[in-house]
Amino acid sequence: SSGINAEYGESIMKFVGLFAVILIVASLSCTEAQNDARRELSNAMQGLGQSFHKLLGKIQHKIEMYLERDGLGEKMAKVGTILINRLKERISKYGDHMSRRY
């Protein structure tokens, strides 16, 4: 069950990361005449970031409950930390790649 939840969480992270990159690219392609629209998009992206932060908090709480229930706490927390750090590294590399490309 916790394996399925970890896969689900990883899928969500990949989707949200890709969606955020698409939004960033879209916002950077706006022209100067669209400053108001760019500002509105920026505010919307900040709201998305806040919503995503809340979602991650809820996911983290659920995962911690599963780990505690199954008595896997520290071992799985270390594995989770490794996986999250790898995901952050991939997102960072993708962002760097996008910066060089565009």
PDB file of N, CA and C in Angstrom:
ATOM      1  N   SER A   1       0.818  -1.201   0.000  1.00  0.00           N
ATOM      2  CA  SER A   1       0.000   0.000   0.000  1.00  0.00           C
ATOM      3  C   SER A   1       0.859   1.261   0.000  1.00  0.00           C
ATOM      4  N   SER A   2       1.942   1.253   0.840  1.00  0.00           N
ATOM      5  CA  SER A   2       2.785   2.444   0.877  1.00  0.00           C
ATOM      6  C   SER A   2       3.591   2.585  -0.408  1.00  0.00           C
ATOM      7  N   GLY A   3       3.866   1.449  -1.099  1.00  0.00           N
ATOM      8  CA  GLY A   3       4.546   1.518  -2.389  1.00  0.00           C
ATOM      9  C   GLY A   3       3.690   2.215  -3.424  1.00  0.00           C
ATOM     10  N   ILE A   4       2.392   1.911  -3.395  1.00  0.00           N
ATOM     11  CA  ILE A   4       1.459   2.545  -4.327  1.00  0.00           C
ATOM     12  C   ILE A   4       1.387   4.036  -4.029  1.00  0.00           C
ATOM     13  N   ASN A   5       1.327   4.403  -2.754  1.00  0.00           N
ATOM     14  CA  ASN A   5       1.253   5.810  -2.373  1.00  0.00           C
ATOM     15  C   ASN A   5       2.518   6.553  -2.780  1.00  0.00           C
ATOM     16  N   ALA A   6       3.672   5.900  -2.644  1.00  0.00           N
ATOM     17  CA  ALA A   6       4.925   6.536  -3.032  1.00  0.00           C
ATOM     18  C   ALA A   6       4.949   6.763  -4.540  1.00  0.00           C
ATOM     19  N   GLU A   7       4.491   5.777  -5.300  1.00  0.00           N
ATOM     20  CA  GLU A   7       4.441   5.929  -6.761  1.00  0.00           C
ATOM     21  C   GLU A   7       3.467   7.041  -7.140  1.00  0.00           C
ATOM     22  N   TYR A   8       2.336   7.094  -6.468  1.00  0.00           N
ATOM     23  CA  TYR A   8       1.334   8.124  -6.733  1.00  0.00           C
ATOM     24  C   TYR A   8       1.909   9.504  -6.426  1.00  0.00           C
ATOM     25  N   GLY A   9       2.573   9.611  -5.292  1.00  0.00           N
ATOM     26  CA  GLY A   9       3.187  10.884  -4.916  1.00  0.00           C
ATOM     27  C   GLY A   9       4.253  11.309  -5.913  1.00  0.00           C
ATOM     28  N   GLU A  10       5.058  10.341  -6.383  1.00  0.00           N
ATOM     29  CA  GLU A  10       6.094  10.647  -7.353  1.00  0.00           C
ATOM     30  C   GLU A  10       5.474  11.096  -8.674  1.00  0.00           C
ATOM     31  N   SER A  11       4.391  10.453  -9.084  1.00  0.00           N
ATOM     32  CA  SER A  11       3.707  10.845 -10.320  1.00  0.00           C
ATOM     33  C   SER A  11       3.161  12.260 -10.201  1.00  0.00           C
ATOM     34  N   ILE A  12       2.590  12.575  -9.052  1.00  0.00           N
ATOM     35  CA  ILE A  12       2.060  13.923  -8.830  1.00  0.00           C
ATOM     36  C   ILE A  12       3.197  14.935  -8.901  1.00  0.00           C
ATOM     37  N   MET A  13       4.320  14.620  -8.269  1.00  0.00           N
ATOM     38  CA  MET A  13       5.463  15.538  -8.269  1.00  0.00           C
ATOM     39  C   MET A  13       5.950  15.789  -9.690  1.00  0.00           C
ATOM     40  N   LYS A  14       6.051  14.740 -10.499  1.00  0.00           N
ATOM     41  CA  LYS A  14       6.507  14.906 -11.878  1.00  0.00           C
ATOM     42  C   LYS A  14       5.533  15.777 -12.657  1.00  0.00           C
ATOM     43  N   PHE A  15       4.234  15.514 -12.506  1.00  0.00           N
ATOM     44  CA  PHE A  15       3.224  16.285 -13.229  1.00  0.00           C
ATOM     45  C   PHE A  15       3.266  17.749 -12.820  1.00  0.00           C
ATOM     46  N   VAL A  16       3.310  18.009 -11.525  1.00  0.00           N
ATOM     47  CA  VAL A  16       3.307  19.392 -11.049  1.00  0.00           C
ATOM     48  C   VAL A  16       4.580  20.105 -11.477  1.00  0.00           C
ATOM     49  N   GLY A  17       5.714  19.413 -11.425  1.00  0.00           N
ATOM     50  CA  GLY A  17       6.968  20.008 -11.872  1.00  0.00           C
ATOM     51  C   GLY A  17       6.915  20.386 -13.338  1.00  0.00           C
ATOM     52  N   LEU A  18       6.410  19.490 -14.170  1.00  0.00           N
ATOM     53  CA  LEU A  18       6.288  19.767 -15.599  1.00  0.00           C
ATOM     54  C   LEU A  18       5.308  20.899 -15.847  1.00  0.00           C
ATOM     55  N   PHE A  19       4.183  20.893 -15.135  1.00  0.00           N
ATOM     56  CA  PHE A  19       3.180  21.949 -15.288  1.00  0.00           C
ATOM     57  C   PHE A  19       3.761  23.300 -14.904  1.00  0.00           C
ATOM     58  N   ALA A  20       4.528  23.347 -13.832  1.00  0.00           N
ATOM     59  CA  ALA A  20       5.141  24.605 -13.395  1.00  0.00           C
ATOM     60  C   ALA A  20       6.127  25.119 -14.439  1.00  0.00           C
ATOM     61  N   VAL A  21       6.911  24.218 -15.016  1.00  0.00           N
ATOM     62  CA  VAL A  21       7.870  24.623 -16.052  1.00  0.00           C
ATOM     63  C   VAL A  21       7.132  25.193 -17.259  1.00  0.00           C
ATOM     64  N   ILE A  22       6.039  24.556 -17.659  1.00  0.00           N
ATOM     65  CA  ILE A  22       5.250  25.041 -18.791  1.00  0.00           C
ATOM     66  C   ILE A  22       4.710  26.439 -18.489  1.00  0.00           C
ATOM     67  N   LEU A  23       4.217  26.641 -17.283  1.00  0.00           N
ATOM     68  CA  LEU A  23       3.705  27.962 -16.911  1.00  0.00           C
ATOM     69  C   LEU A  23       4.802  29.020 -16.913  1.00  0.00           C
ATOM     70  N   ILE A  24       5.972  28.649 -16.449  1.00  0.00           N
ATOM     71  CA  ILE A  24       7.092  29.599 -16.419  1.00  0.00           C
ATOM     72  C   ILE A  24       7.482  29.986 -17.840  1.00  0.00           C
ATOM     73  N   VAL A  25       7.595  28.992 -18.704  1.00  0.00           N
ATOM     74  CA  VAL A  25       7.951  29.274 -20.096  1.00  0.00           C
ATOM     75  C   VAL A  25       6.901  30.169 -20.740  1.00  0.00           C
ATOM     76  N   ALA A  26       5.644  29.876 -20.481  1.00  0.00           N
ATOM     77  CA  ALA A  26       4.567  30.694 -21.043  1.00  0.00           C
ATOM     78  C   ALA A  26       4.645  32.128 -20.538  1.00  0.00           C
ATOM     79  N   SER A  27       4.954  32.287 -19.258  1.00  0.00           N
ATOM     80  CA  SER A  27       5.019  33.647 -18.709  1.00  0.00           C
ATOM     81  C   SER A  27       6.195  34.428 -19.266  1.00  0.00           C
ATOM     82  N   LEU A  28       7.293  33.743 -19.566  1.00  0.00           N
ATOM     83  CA  LEU A  28       8.469  34.429 -20.090  1.00  0.00           C
ATOM     84  C   LEU A  28       8.298  34.850 -21.548  1.00  0.00           C
ATOM     85  N   SER A  29       7.374  34.230 -22.240  1.00  0.00           N
ATOM     86  CA  SER A  29       7.194  34.548 -23.653  1.00  0.00           C
ATOM     87  C   SER A  29       6.227  35.712 -23.881  1.00  0.00           C
ATOM     88  N   CYS A  30       5.681  36.259 -22.822  1.00  0.00           N
ATOM     89  CA  CYS A  30       4.757  37.396 -22.956  1.00  0.00           C
ATOM     90  C   CYS A  30       5.518  38.626 -23.432  1.00  0.00           C
ATOM     91  N   THR A  31       4.861  39.471 -24.201  1.00  0.00           N
ATOM     92  CA  THR A  31       5.487  40.706 -24.686  1.00  0.00           C
ATOM     93  C   THR A  31       5.307  41.818 -23.659  1.00  0.00           C
ATOM     94  N   GLU A  32       6.023  42.920 -23.869  1.00  0.00           N
ATOM     95  CA  GLU A  32       5.947  44.059 -22.956  1.00  0.00           C
ATOM     96  C   GLU A  32       4.538  44.650 -22.908  1.00  0.00           C
ATOM     97  N   ALA A  33       3.810  44.573 -23.990  1.00  0.00           N
ATOM     98  CA  ALA A  33       2.454  45.126 -24.030  1.00  0.00           C
ATOM     99  C   ALA A  33       1.504  44.363 -23.129  1.00  0.00           C
ATOM    100  N   GLN A  34       1.935  43.224 -22.657  1.00  0.00           N
ATOM    101  CA  GLN A  34       1.063  42.382 -21.836  1.00  0.00           C
ATOM    102  C   GLN A  34       1.506  42.360 -20.371  1.00  0.00           C
ATOM    103  N   ASN A  35       2.045  43.482 -19.878  1.00  0.00           N
ATOM    104  CA  ASN A  35       2.528  43.528 -18.499  1.00  0.00           C
ATOM    105  C   ASN A  35       1.441  43.165 -17.487  1.00  0.00           C
ATOM    106  N   ASP A  36       0.232  43.665 -17.696  1.00  0.00           N
ATOM    107  CA  ASP A  36      -0.849  43.341 -16.770  1.00  0.00           C
ATOM    108  C   ASP A  36      -1.139  41.852 -16.773  1.00  0.00           C
ATOM    109  N   ALA A  37      -1.177  41.268 -17.960  1.00  0.00           N
ATOM    110  CA  ALA A  37      -1.427  39.827 -18.069  1.00  0.00           C
ATOM    111  C   ALA A  37      -0.285  39.052 -17.433  1.00  0.00           C
ATOM    112  N   ARG A  38       0.948  39.526 -17.611  1.00  0.00           N
ATOM    113  CA  ARG A  38       2.104  38.857 -17.014  1.00  0.00           C
ATOM    114  C   ARG A  38       2.031  38.918 -15.482  1.00  0.00           C
ATOM    115  N   ARG A  39       1.637  40.083 -14.981  1.00  0.00           N
ATOM    116  CA  ARG A  39       1.514  40.248 -13.525  1.00  0.00           C
ATOM    117  C   ARG A  39       0.418  39.325 -12.988  1.00  0.00           C
ATOM    118  N   GLU A  40      -0.692  39.260 -13.730  1.00  0.00           N
ATOM    119  CA  GLU A  40      -1.789  38.381 -13.335  1.00  0.00           C
ATOM    120  C   GLU A  40      -1.348  36.920 -13.354  1.00  0.00           C
ATOM    121  N   LEU A  41      -0.593  36.545 -14.383  1.00  0.00           N
ATOM    122  CA  LEU A  41      -0.076  35.180 -14.462  1.00  0.00           C
ATOM    123  C   LEU A  41       0.884  34.903 -13.309  1.00  0.00           C
ATOM    124  N   SER A  42       1.718  35.885 -12.989  1.00  0.00           N
ATOM    125  CA  SER A  42       2.653  35.737 -11.875  1.00  0.00           C
ATOM    126  C   SER A  42       1.905  35.510 -10.567  1.00  0.00           C
ATOM    127  N   ASN A  43       0.850  36.281 -10.342  1.00  0.00           N
ATOM    128  CA  ASN A  43       0.047  36.102  -9.127  1.00  0.00           C
ATOM    129  C   ASN A  43      -0.612  34.726  -9.106  1.00  0.00           C
ATOM    130  N   ALA A  44      -1.098  34.294 -10.270  1.00  0.00           N
ATOM    131  CA  ALA A  44      -1.723  32.978 -10.356  1.00  0.00           C
ATOM    132  C   ALA A  44      -0.700  31.885 -10.065  1.00  0.00           C
ATOM    133  N   MET A  45       0.523  32.062 -10.567  1.00  0.00           N
ATOM    134  CA  MET A  45       1.573  31.069 -10.318  1.00  0.00           C
ATOM    135  C   MET A  45       1.943  31.031  -8.837  1.00  0.00           C
ATOM    136  N   GLN A  46       1.955  32.196  -8.200  1.00  0.00           N
ATOM    137  CA  GLN A  46       2.228  32.228  -6.761  1.00  0.00           C
ATOM    138  C   GLN A  46       1.131  31.489  -6.009  1.00  0.00           C
ATOM    139  N   GLY A  47      -0.119  31.703  -6.426  1.00  0.00           N
ATOM    140  CA  GLY A  47      -1.231  30.981  -5.814  1.00  0.00           C
ATOM    141  C   GLY A  47      -1.110  29.484  -6.034  1.00  0.00           C
ATOM    142  N   LEU A  48      -0.696  29.095  -7.248  1.00  0.00           N
ATOM    143  CA  LEU A  48      -0.477  27.683  -7.540  1.00  0.00           C
ATOM    144  C   LEU A  48       0.609  27.115  -6.633  1.00  0.00           C
ATOM    145  N   GLY A  49       1.675  27.893  -6.462  1.00  0.00           N
ATOM    146  CA  GLY A  49       2.759  27.458  -5.578  1.00  0.00           C
ATOM    147  C   GLY A  49       2.275  27.248  -4.150  1.00  0.00           C
ATOM    148  N   GLN A  50       1.440  28.158  -3.670  1.00  0.00           N
ATOM    149  CA  GLN A  50       0.903  28.024  -2.312  1.00  0.00           C
ATOM    150  C   GLN A  50       0.001  26.801  -2.199  1.00  0.00           C
ATOM    151  N   SER A  51      -0.826  26.591  -3.220  1.00  0.00           N
ATOM    152  CA  SER A  51      -1.704  25.418  -3.216  1.00  0.00           C
ATOM    153  C   SER A  51      -0.886  24.134  -3.261  1.00  0.00           C
ATOM    154  N   PHE A  52       0.161  24.135  -4.080  1.00  0.00           N
ATOM    155  CA  PHE A  52       1.031  22.966  -4.183  1.00  0.00           C
ATOM    156  C   PHE A  52       1.721  22.709  -2.845  1.00  0.00           C
ATOM    157  N   HIS A  53       2.137  23.769  -2.175  1.00  0.00           N
ATOM    158  CA  HIS A  53       2.794  23.627  -0.873  1.00  0.00           C
ATOM    159  C   HIS A  53       1.841  22.974   0.135  1.00  0.00           C
ATOM    160  N   LYS A  54       0.576  23.405   0.133  1.00  0.00           N
ATOM    161  CA  LYS A  54      -0.423  22.803   1.019  1.00  0.00           C
ATOM    162  C   LYS A  54      -0.623  21.324   0.684  1.00  0.00           C
ATOM    163  N   LEU A  55      -0.713  21.024  -0.618  1.00  0.00           N
ATOM    164  CA  LEU A  55      -0.883  19.641  -1.059  1.00  0.00           C
ATOM    165  C   LEU A  55       0.281  18.772  -0.591  1.00  0.00           C
ATOM    166  N   LEU A  56       1.505  19.284  -0.742  1.00  0.00           N
ATOM    167  CA  LEU A  56       2.671  18.520  -0.299  1.00  0.00           C
ATOM    168  C   LEU A  56       2.627  18.264   1.202  1.00  0.00           C
ATOM    169  N   GLY A  57       2.173  19.246   1.952  1.00  0.00           N
ATOM    170  CA  GLY A  57       2.049  19.062   3.399  1.00  0.00           C
ATOM    171  C   GLY A  57       1.070  17.945   3.730  1.00  0.00           C
ATOM    172  N   LYS A  58      -0.054  17.920   3.017  1.00  0.00           N
ATOM    173  CA  LYS A  58      -1.045  16.863   3.246  1.00  0.00           C
ATOM    174  C   LYS A  58      -0.502  15.502   2.838  1.00  0.00           C
ATOM    175  N   ILE A  59       0.195  15.454   1.704  1.00  0.00           N
ATOM    176  CA  ILE A  59       0.789  14.185   1.255  1.00  0.00           C
ATOM    177  C   ILE A  59       1.821  13.710   2.271  1.00  0.00           C
ATOM    178  N   GLN A  60       2.657  14.631   2.732  1.00  0.00           N
ATOM    179  CA  GLN A  60       3.675  14.272   3.714  1.00  0.00           C
ATOM    180  C   GLN A  60       3.033  13.718   4.982  1.00  0.00           C
ATOM    181  N   HIS A  61       1.969  14.351   5.438  1.00  0.00           N
ATOM    182  CA  HIS A  61       1.278  13.877   6.640  1.00  0.00           C
ATOM    183  C   HIS A  61       0.728  12.461   6.431  1.00  0.00           C
ATOM    184  N   LYS A  62       0.102  12.230   5.276  1.00  0.00           N
ATOM    185  CA  LYS A  62      -0.447  10.898   4.978  1.00  0.00           C
ATOM    186  C   LYS A  62       0.657   9.846   4.953  1.00  0.00           C
ATOM    187  N   ILE A  63       1.775  10.175   4.308  1.00  0.00           N
ATOM    188  CA  ILE A  63       2.883   9.228   4.229  1.00  0.00           C
ATOM    189  C   ILE A  63       3.426   8.928   5.612  1.00  0.00           C
ATOM    190  N   GLU A  64       3.580   9.964   6.433  1.00  0.00           N
ATOM    191  CA  GLU A  64       4.076   9.762   7.799  1.00  0.00           C
ATOM    192  C   GLU A  64       3.138   8.864   8.593  1.00  0.00           C
ATOM    193  N   MET A  65       1.816   9.016   8.388  1.00  0.00           N
ATOM    194  CA  MET A  65       0.849   8.171   9.086  1.00  0.00           C
ATOM    195  C   MET A  65       1.008   6.707   8.657  1.00  0.00           C
ATOM    196  N   TYR A  66       1.164   6.469   7.345  1.00  0.00           N
ATOM    197  CA  TYR A  66       1.356   5.097   6.852  1.00  0.00           C
ATOM    198  C   TYR A  66       2.640   4.496   7.407  1.00  0.00           C
ATOM    199  N   LEU A  67       3.710   5.272   7.391  1.00  0.00           N
ATOM    200  CA  LEU A  67       4.991   4.763   7.878  1.00  0.00           C
ATOM    201  C   LEU A  67       4.919   4.440   9.365  1.00  0.00           C
ATOM    202  N   GLU A  68       4.286   5.305  10.119  1.00  0.00           N
ATOM    203  CA  GLU A  68       4.149   5.093  11.558  1.00  0.00           C
ATOM    204  C   GLU A  68       3.312   3.855  11.835  1.00  0.00           C
ATOM    205  N   ARG A  69       2.223   3.711  11.099  1.00  0.00           N
ATOM    206  CA  ARG A  69       1.326   2.572  11.279  1.00  0.00           C
ATOM    207  C   ARG A  69       2.037   1.256  10.981  1.00  0.00           C
ATOM    208  N   ASP A  70       2.883   1.261   9.950  1.00  0.00           N
ATOM    209  CA  ASP A  70       3.575   0.042   9.547  1.00  0.00           C
ATOM    210  C   ASP A  70       4.888  -0.165  10.282  1.00  0.00           C
ATOM    211  N   GLY A  71       5.259   0.756  11.153  1.00  0.00           N
ATOM    212  CA  GLY A  71       6.495   0.629  11.919  1.00  0.00           C
ATOM    213  C   GLY A  71       7.746   0.770  11.054  1.00  0.00           C
ATOM    214  N   LEU A  72       7.659   1.510   9.982  1.00  0.00           N
ATOM    215  CA  LEU A  72       8.780   1.648   9.063  1.00  0.00           C
ATOM    216  C   LEU A  72       9.464   3.004   9.176  1.00  0.00           C
ATOM    217  N   GLY A  73       8.926   3.855  10.012  1.00  0.00           N
ATOM    218  CA  GLY A  73       9.360   5.230  10.212  1.00  0.00           C
ATOM    219  C   GLY A  73      10.687   5.664   9.651  1.00  0.00           C
ATOM    220  N   GLU A  74      11.785   5.468  10.414  1.00  0.00           N
ATOM    221  CA  GLU A  74      13.076   6.047  10.048  1.00  0.00           C
ATOM    222  C   GLU A  74      13.630   5.505   8.740  1.00  0.00           C
ATOM    223  N   LYS A  75      13.534   4.199   8.522  1.00  0.00           N
ATOM    224  CA  LYS A  75      14.088   3.612   7.303  1.00  0.00           C
ATOM    225  C   LYS A  75      13.415   4.190   6.062  1.00  0.00           C
ATOM    226  N   MET A  76      12.096   4.220   6.067  1.00  0.00           N
ATOM    227  CA  MET A  76      11.376   4.726   4.899  1.00  0.00           C
ATOM    228  C   MET A  76      11.516   6.241   4.770  1.00  0.00           C
ATOM    229  N   ALA A  77      11.658   6.931   5.888  1.00  0.00           N
ATOM    230  CA  ALA A  77      11.864   8.381   5.827  1.00  0.00           C
ATOM    231  C   ALA A  77      13.177   8.683   5.121  1.00  0.00           C
ATOM    232  N   LYS A  78      14.210   7.877   5.394  1.00  0.00           N
ATOM    233  CA  LYS A  78      15.496   8.070   4.720  1.00  0.00           C
ATOM    234  C   LYS A  78      15.364   7.791   3.229  1.00  0.00           C
ATOM    235  N   VAL A  79      14.645   6.731   2.882  1.00  0.00           N
ATOM    236  CA  VAL A  79      14.424   6.411   1.469  1.00  0.00           C
ATOM    237  C   VAL A  79      13.644   7.539   0.798  1.00  0.00           C
ATOM    238  N   GLY A  80      12.609   8.020   1.466  1.00  0.00           N
ATOM    239  CA  GLY A  80      11.818   9.119   0.923  1.00  0.00           C
ATOM    240  C   GLY A  80      12.644  10.364   0.709  1.00  0.00           C
ATOM    241  N   THR A  81      13.525  10.669   1.645  1.00  0.00           N
ATOM    242  CA  THR A  81      14.399  11.832   1.524  1.00  0.00           C
ATOM    243  C   THR A  81      15.312  11.697   0.315  1.00  0.00           C
ATOM    244  N   ILE A  82      15.868  10.510   0.113  1.00  0.00           N
ATOM    245  CA  ILE A  82      16.731  10.271  -1.046  1.00  0.00           C
ATOM    246  C   ILE A  82      15.956  10.483  -2.341  1.00  0.00           C
ATOM    247  N   LEU A  83      14.753   9.930  -2.422  1.00  0.00           N
ATOM    248  CA  LEU A  83      13.947  10.060  -3.642  1.00  0.00           C
ATOM    249  C   LEU A  83      13.554  11.508  -3.906  1.00  0.00           C
ATOM    250  N   ILE A  84      13.177  12.227  -2.863  1.00  0.00           N
ATOM    251  CA  ILE A  84      12.808  13.633  -3.026  1.00  0.00           C
ATOM    252  C   ILE A  84      14.010  14.455  -3.468  1.00  0.00           C
ATOM    253  N   ASN A  85      15.175  14.188  -2.896  1.00  0.00           N
ATOM    254  CA  ASN A  85      16.376  14.921  -3.309  1.00  0.00           C
ATOM    255  C   ASN A  85      16.719  14.642  -4.770  1.00  0.00           C
ATOM    256  N   ARG A  86      16.528  13.400  -5.204  1.00  0.00           N
ATOM    257  CA  ARG A  86      16.772  13.067  -6.615  1.00  0.00           C
ATOM    258  C   ARG A  86      15.792  13.820  -7.515  1.00  0.00           C
ATOM    259  N   LEU A  87      14.528  13.886  -7.097  1.00  0.00           N
ATOM    260  CA  LEU A  87      13.526  14.607  -7.882  1.00  0.00           C
ATOM    261  C   LEU A  87      13.872  16.093  -7.963  1.00  0.00           C
ATOM    262  N   LYS A  88      14.275  16.687  -6.829  1.00  0.00           N
ATOM    263  CA  LYS A  88      14.676  18.098  -6.826  1.00  0.00           C
ATOM    264  C   LYS A  88      15.847  18.325  -7.773  1.00  0.00           C
ATOM    265  N   GLU A  89      16.802  17.399  -7.785  1.00  0.00           N
ATOM    266  CA  GLU A  89      17.956  17.515  -8.671  1.00  0.00           C
ATOM    267  C   GLU A  89      17.522  17.455 -10.139  1.00  0.00           C
ATOM    268  N   ARG A  90      16.604  16.545 -10.458  1.00  0.00           N
ATOM    269  CA  ARG A  90      16.109  16.444 -11.835  1.00  0.00           C
ATOM    270  C   ARG A  90      15.384  17.712 -12.255  1.00  0.00           C
ATOM    271  N   ILE A  91      14.537  18.250 -11.372  1.00  0.00           N
ATOM    272  CA  ILE A  91      13.810  19.481 -11.688  1.00  0.00           C
ATOM    273  C   ILE A  91      14.790  20.630 -11.892  1.00  0.00           C
ATOM    274  N   SER A  92      15.808  20.702 -11.053  1.00  0.00           N
ATOM    275  CA  SER A  92      16.814  21.754 -11.179  1.00  0.00           C
ATOM    276  C   SER A  92      17.571  21.628 -12.500  1.00  0.00           C
ATOM    277  N   LYS A  93      17.971  20.410 -12.849  1.00  0.00           N
ATOM    278  CA  LYS A  93      18.674  20.190 -14.116  1.00  0.00           C
ATOM    279  C   LYS A  93      17.774  20.554 -15.292  1.00  0.00           C
ATOM    280  N   TYR A  94      16.505  20.190 -15.211  1.00  0.00           N
ATOM    281  CA  TYR A  94      15.576  20.512 -16.287  1.00  0.00           C
ATOM    282  C   TYR A  94      15.411  22.026 -16.407  1.00  0.00           C
ATOM    283  N   GLY A  95      15.330  22.702 -15.271  1.00  0.00           N
ATOM    284  CA  GLY A  95      15.239  24.164 -15.282  1.00  0.00           C
ATOM    285  C   GLY A  95      16.478  24.791 -15.893  1.00  0.00           C
ATOM    286  N   ASP A  96      17.664  24.265 -15.544  1.00  0.00           N
ATOM    287  CA  ASP A  96      18.914  24.766 -16.130  1.00  0.00           C
ATOM    288  C   ASP A  96      18.917  24.530 -17.638  1.00  0.00           C
ATOM    289  N   HIS A  97      18.470  23.369 -18.051  1.00  0.00           N
ATOM    290  CA  HIS A  97      18.412  23.046 -19.476  1.00  0.00           C
ATOM    291  C   HIS A  97      17.474  24.011 -20.201  1.00  0.00           C
ATOM    292  N   MET A  98      16.328  24.288 -19.598  1.00  0.00           N
ATOM    293  CA  MET A  98      15.367  25.206 -20.201  1.00  0.00           C
ATOM    294  C   MET A  98      15.962  26.613 -20.293  1.00  0.00           C
ATOM    295  N   SER A  99      16.729  27.014 -19.280  1.00  0.00           N
ATOM    296  CA  SER A  99      17.340  28.347 -19.278  1.00  0.00           C
ATOM    297  C   SER A  99      18.349  28.482 -20.418  1.00  0.00           C
ATOM    298  N   ARG A 100      19.125  27.446 -20.647  1.00  0.00           N
ATOM    299  CA  ARG A 100      20.117  27.486 -21.717  1.00  0.00           C
ATOM    300  C   ARG A 100      19.458  27.421 -23.088  1.00  0.00           C
ATOM    301  N   ARG A 101      18.376  26.679 -23.181  1.00  0.00           N
ATOM    302  CA  ARG A 101      17.732  26.466 -24.462  1.00  0.00           C
ATOM    303  C   ARG A 101      16.942  27.691 -24.916  1.00  0.00           C
ATOM    304  N   TYR A 102      16.336  28.395 -23.981  1.00  0.00           N
ATOM    305  CA  TYR A 102      15.476  29.533 -24.334  1.00  0.00           C
ATOM    306  C   TYR A 102      16.100  30.781 -23.798  1.00  0.00           C
TER     307      TYR A 102
END
